[in-house]
Every structure is written in C-alpha cells, then in structure tokens.
Amino acid sequence: PYKNNLIGFASDGANVMCGRQNSVMSRLKQEIPNIFLIKCICHSSNLCASSACEKLPSELEDFTRNVYNYFSLSPKRVEYYKDFQMFTQTPAHKILHPAQTRWLSLESVVGRLLEQYSALTLFFIDAVANDYNINAENILIKLKDPLTKYFLIFLQFSLPFFNKINREMQSEKPKLQDLHSNITSTFKTILECFIKRDIILKTPIYNINFKDPGNYLPLS
C-alpha cells in the first residue's frame, strides 16, 4: 500500500524520473501530495561543478583531452616521455583520461597534469623542435601560457569540495548523523574564499547573502 507507506522518493535527474510533465515524481506527487521528492545529490553537485566550470575557458578542458590523446595512440611517445620524467625527476605516472561528461572526474586528471607539468613542457618543446606536429605545437602553446597552470591550480583547489560531498553521499556506512555538519562545513569553507570573515562569524550560515558584492573580500 504505497500511498500510505511511501514518504519519500529519490532518483537521478532524468526527465522520465523527475520531469515536470508525466514523470515518476509528478505521478507520485499527484497520488501522495505530501511526499518528499529529491534528485540525486551526486548528479546535482556534478551539474553545479559543470555549470561553474563554464565560467572557465573551454580550451582548458580541450587541453586536458589533447594531452591524453597525444600519448594514447602512440606507445613510442609514451616510452620516449619516460626520459623526460627521469630528467626532471618527475614520478613515472601515466597521463590520465578525462571522462566525457563529468567535470568532477577531472580532479585526478588535473592533479596528474600539474605533477607532470615540467616534464610535459620539455617533452613538447622537443616534439615541436625535432618532430613538428601541429597538435604538439598547440599543446605547447597552452603549456607555456601562465593562465593554463593557474586555472589548473584553481581546479585542483576547488573540485575537491564537490567530490567530498559526493563521497559523503556514496558512503556505504550510515552517514545521516554527519551529513548536515559536513556539508555546512564545506559550504562555509567555500564562503571563506570570497566572503568577509566578520560576516561569516556574525551571520547564520543560511542567512549569508553570497550574491551581494558588498559582502565580498577585496580582490587584493
């Protein structure tokens, strides 16, 4: 007797599950008006991260894929790259493959690129000089652009906030008693990056107007 026993329903964000018109959620709402409905938190946090990353240059994601693709089809290049890793005393790790649709998966990719940055730069300088390739030249241009590294460092700093929430939600152990404090702590940490400290200390976290420029830290 689900109409009497069902109090909540959660699912992924597909239209057939939670769309406004003729979805599982809309039908449940018609039959159980007070039911609690929620989309997948992990999917929602990925959408938040992806939406935020749209503020970054699109070439940044292209860069991560281009570096991987340059090595993926050539075992010879992979072997030759090991010489540059050894020369720069860089760990002999492989370049990671970015997932097609999820920005959150780029945390490990970004970390690996930053770890390998010096070796990659020397490798592509050599590739352009001795075995000219338009793809190598385009990658080298991005490696030499200081903004590329700055954006990667920013992603390395910011993406773990969202991945931490994802791990909380995907835990196999009961986490209900910890979720509120852990998520509000993460939210507060994000606010501390750009909101004046006295506002954070004096204002309940839910009442902080993070869209008001008057609450922002000075750029300096």
Protein backbone atom coordinates (compact mmCIF):
# COMPACT_ATOMS: atom_id res chain seq x y z
CA PRO A 1 0.00 0.00 0.00
CA TYR A 2 2.49 2.61 -1.16
CA LYS A 3 0.03 5.51 -0.89
CA ASN A 4 0.00 5.02 2.87
CA ASN A 5 3.59 3.93 3.44
CA LEU A 6 5.68 5.95 0.97
CA ILE A 7 7.00 9.22 2.42
CA GLY A 8 9.94 9.98 0.12
CA PHE A 9 11.42 9.22 -3.29
CA ALA A 10 14.89 9.97 -4.70
CA SER A 11 16.25 9.34 -8.19
CA ASP A 12 18.64 10.59 -10.84
CA GLY A 13 17.75 13.74 -12.76
CA ALA A 14 16.41 12.18 -15.97
CA ASN A 15 13.18 13.76 -17.26
CA VAL A 16 11.36 10.44 -17.20
CA MET A 17 12.10 10.23 -13.46
CA CYS A 18 11.66 13.80 -12.24
CA GLY A 19 10.43 15.98 -15.11
CA ARG A 20 7.50 18.31 -14.51
CA GLN A 21 5.27 16.56 -17.03
CA ASN A 22 4.29 12.88 -16.75
CA SER A 23 7.32 11.61 -14.80
CA VAL A 24 7.56 9.16 -11.91
CA MET A 25 7.86 12.08 -9.48
CA SER A 26 4.96 14.07 -10.93
CA ARG A 27 2.70 10.99 -10.76
CA LEU A 28 3.73 10.24 -7.18
CA LYS A 29 3.04 13.88 -6.25
CA GLN A 30 -0.48 13.57 -7.65
CA GLU A 31 -1.22 10.48 -5.58
CA ILE A 32 0.75 11.45 -2.42
CA PRO A 33 0.66 15.28 -2.14
CA ASN A 34 2.95 15.45 0.92
CA ILE A 35 5.66 13.12 -0.40
CA PHE A 36 9.29 14.32 -0.15
CA LEU A 37 10.96 14.28 -3.57
CA ILE A 38 14.67 14.86 -4.25
CA LYS A 39 17.01 14.46 -7.20
CA CYS A 40 20.31 12.60 -6.85
CA ILE A 41 22.66 14.80 -4.80
CA CYS A 42 25.73 13.45 -6.62
CA HIS A 43 24.24 14.26 -10.01
CA SER A 44 23.19 17.71 -8.81
CA SER A 45 26.65 18.51 -7.44
CA ASN A 46 28.19 17.47 -10.75
CA LEU A 47 25.79 19.83 -12.55
CA CYS A 48 26.84 22.61 -10.15
CA ALA A 49 30.53 21.97 -10.82
CA SER A 50 29.96 21.75 -14.58
CA SER A 51 27.95 24.97 -14.58
CA ALA A 52 30.64 26.75 -12.56
CA CYS A 53 33.35 25.48 -14.90
CA GLU A 54 31.53 27.06 -17.84
CA LYS A 55 32.99 30.33 -16.49
CA LEU A 56 36.45 28.96 -17.34
CA PRO A 57 37.84 28.98 -20.89
CA SER A 58 36.55 25.99 -22.86
CA GLU A 59 40.09 25.43 -24.16
CA LEU A 60 41.09 24.27 -20.69
CA GLU A 61 39.06 21.06 -20.90
CA ASP A 62 40.18 20.63 -24.52
CA PHE A 63 43.77 20.90 -23.31
CA THR A 64 43.35 18.05 -20.82
CA ARG A 65 41.92 15.82 -23.56
CA ASN A 66 44.51 16.82 -26.16
CA VAL A 67 47.41 15.92 -23.88
CA TYR A 68 45.92 12.49 -23.18
CA ASN A 69 45.09 11.86 -26.84
CA TYR A 70 48.61 12.77 -27.93
CA PHE A 71 50.02 9.85 -25.94
CA SER A 72 47.12 7.38 -26.06
CA LEU A 73 47.66 6.26 -29.66
CA SER A 74 51.45 6.06 -29.56
CA PRO A 75 53.32 3.65 -27.25
CA LYS A 76 56.51 5.09 -28.77
CA ARG A 77 55.70 8.55 -27.41
CA VAL A 78 54.89 7.09 -24.01
CA GLU A 79 58.28 5.37 -23.87
CA TYR A 80 60.12 8.47 -25.05
CA TYR A 81 58.28 10.59 -22.48
CA LYS A 82 59.79 8.48 -19.69
CA ASP A 83 63.19 10.03 -20.47
CA PHE A 84 61.79 13.48 -19.70
CA GLN A 85 60.19 12.23 -16.49
CA MET A 86 63.54 10.84 -15.41
CA PHE A 87 65.40 14.02 -16.36
CA THR A 88 63.00 16.27 -14.40
CA GLN A 89 62.74 13.76 -11.51
CA THR A 90 59.00 13.50 -12.10
CA PRO A 91 57.10 10.39 -10.95
CA ALA A 92 56.73 7.87 -13.79
CA HIS A 93 52.94 8.13 -13.88
CA LYS A 94 50.69 7.91 -16.92
CA ILE A 95 48.61 10.81 -18.25
CA LEU A 96 45.01 10.19 -17.17
CA HIS A 97 41.97 10.08 -19.40
CA PRO A 98 39.29 12.75 -18.73
CA ALA A 99 35.73 11.37 -18.61
CA GLN A 100 33.47 12.63 -21.36
CA THR A 101 30.75 14.35 -19.35
CA ARG A 102 31.76 14.81 -15.72
CA TRP A 103 33.88 17.72 -14.55
CA LEU A 104 34.25 16.10 -11.14
CA SER A 105 36.31 13.29 -12.67
CA LEU A 106 38.86 15.90 -13.74
CA GLU A 107 40.21 16.33 -10.20
CA SER A 108 42.63 13.41 -10.62
CA VAL A 109 43.37 14.42 -14.23
CA VAL A 110 44.23 17.98 -13.19
CA GLY A 111 46.41 16.75 -10.34
CA ARG A 112 48.35 14.48 -12.67
CA LEU A 113 48.90 17.26 -15.23
CA LEU A 114 50.25 19.59 -12.55
CA GLU A 115 52.52 16.82 -11.26
CA GLN A 116 53.86 16.25 -14.78
CA TYR A 117 53.93 19.90 -15.89
CA SER A 118 57.71 20.36 -16.12
CA ALA A 119 58.27 17.04 -17.89
CA LEU A 120 55.39 17.71 -20.30
CA THR A 121 56.70 21.16 -21.16
CA LEU A 122 60.18 19.85 -22.02
CA PHE A 123 58.72 16.91 -23.94
CA PHE A 124 56.57 19.13 -26.16
CA ILE A 125 59.38 21.63 -26.71
CA ASP A 126 61.39 18.70 -28.05
CA ALA A 127 58.43 17.35 -30.05
CA VAL A 128 57.91 20.67 -31.81
CA ALA A 129 61.61 21.20 -32.48
CA ASN A 130 62.51 17.72 -33.73
CA ASP A 131 59.30 16.14 -34.99
CA TYR A 132 56.99 19.01 -35.90
CA ASN A 133 53.34 18.23 -35.28
CA ILE A 134 50.51 20.76 -35.22
CA ASN A 135 48.90 19.02 -32.23
CA ALA A 136 52.17 19.16 -30.29
CA GLU A 137 52.55 22.85 -31.11
CA ASN A 138 49.02 23.64 -29.88
CA ILE A 139 49.65 21.78 -26.63
CA LEU A 140 52.97 23.55 -26.13
CA ILE A 141 51.29 26.95 -26.61
CA LYS A 142 48.89 26.10 -23.79
CA LEU A 143 51.67 24.75 -21.55
CA LYS A 144 53.63 27.98 -21.95
CA ASP A 145 50.59 30.14 -21.23
CA PRO A 146 50.76 31.00 -17.48
CA LEU A 147 46.96 31.10 -17.26
CA THR A 148 46.75 27.40 -18.09
CA LYS A 149 48.64 26.46 -14.96
CA TYR A 150 46.77 28.99 -12.82
CA PHE A 151 43.42 27.58 -13.93
CA LEU A 152 44.59 24.02 -13.25
CA ILE A 153 45.73 25.03 -9.75
CA PHE A 154 42.33 26.66 -9.17
CA LEU A 155 40.54 23.46 -10.23
CA GLN A 156 42.84 21.37 -8.05
CA PHE A 157 41.77 23.56 -5.13
CA SER A 158 38.03 23.80 -5.86
CA LEU A 159 36.90 20.47 -7.31
CA PRO A 160 37.63 18.52 -4.08
CA PHE A 161 34.86 20.49 -2.34
CA PHE A 162 32.29 18.87 -4.63
CA ASN A 163 33.96 15.47 -4.65
CA LYS A 164 34.00 15.46 -0.85
CA ILE A 165 30.21 15.88 -0.84
CA ASN A 166 29.92 13.11 -3.43
CA ARG A 167 31.94 10.74 -1.25
CA GLU A 168 29.73 11.56 1.73
CA MET A 169 26.63 10.72 -0.28
CA GLN A 170 28.07 7.49 -1.68
CA SER A 171 29.32 6.10 1.62
CA GLU A 172 28.39 2.50 2.37
CA LYS A 173 28.21 3.34 6.07
CA PRO A 174 25.35 5.25 7.76
CA LYS A 175 26.16 8.97 7.46
CA LEU A 176 22.82 10.61 8.26
CA GLN A 177 24.03 11.91 11.61
CA ASP A 178 27.08 13.57 9.99
CA LEU A 179 25.77 14.88 6.67
CA HIS A 180 24.40 18.22 7.83
CA SER A 181 27.52 19.27 9.73
CA ASN A 182 29.86 18.03 6.99
CA ILE A 183 28.02 19.79 4.17
CA THR A 184 27.60 23.07 6.07
CA SER A 185 31.30 22.92 6.92
CA THR A 186 32.15 22.54 3.23
CA PHE A 187 29.78 25.38 2.34
CA LYS A 188 31.41 27.60 4.96
CA THR A 189 34.88 26.80 3.62
CA ILE A 190 33.78 27.87 0.13
CA LEU A 191 32.29 31.10 1.50
CA GLU A 192 35.55 31.89 3.33
CA CYS A 193 37.24 32.11 -0.08
CA PHE A 194 35.37 35.29 -1.01
CA ILE A 195 33.08 36.49 1.85
CA LYS A 196 34.32 38.89 4.54
CA ARG A 197 35.24 37.00 7.69
CA ASP A 198 33.27 39.22 10.09
CA ILE A 199 30.08 38.48 8.12
CA ILE A 200 30.72 34.73 8.34
CA LEU A 201 31.33 34.98 12.10
CA LYS A 202 28.28 37.14 12.87
CA THR A 203 25.68 35.81 10.43
CA PRO A 204 23.95 32.39 10.50
CA ILE A 205 25.32 30.50 7.52
CA TYR A 206 21.90 30.16 5.84
CA ASN A 207 21.35 33.93 6.00
CA ILE A 208 24.62 34.97 4.34
CA ASN A 209 23.88 36.76 1.07
CA PHE A 210 26.70 35.38 -1.08
CA LYS A 211 25.40 37.25 -4.14
CA ASP A 212 25.88 40.69 -2.57
CA PRO A 213 29.19 42.24 -3.77
CA GLY A 214 29.19 44.32 -0.59
CA ASN A 215 29.94 41.13 1.34
CA TYR A 216 32.94 40.19 -0.82
CA LEU A 217 36.56 40.32 0.24
CA PRO A 218 38.66 42.92 -1.62
CA LEU A 219 40.45 41.48 -4.66
CA SER A 220 43.81 42.18 -3.06
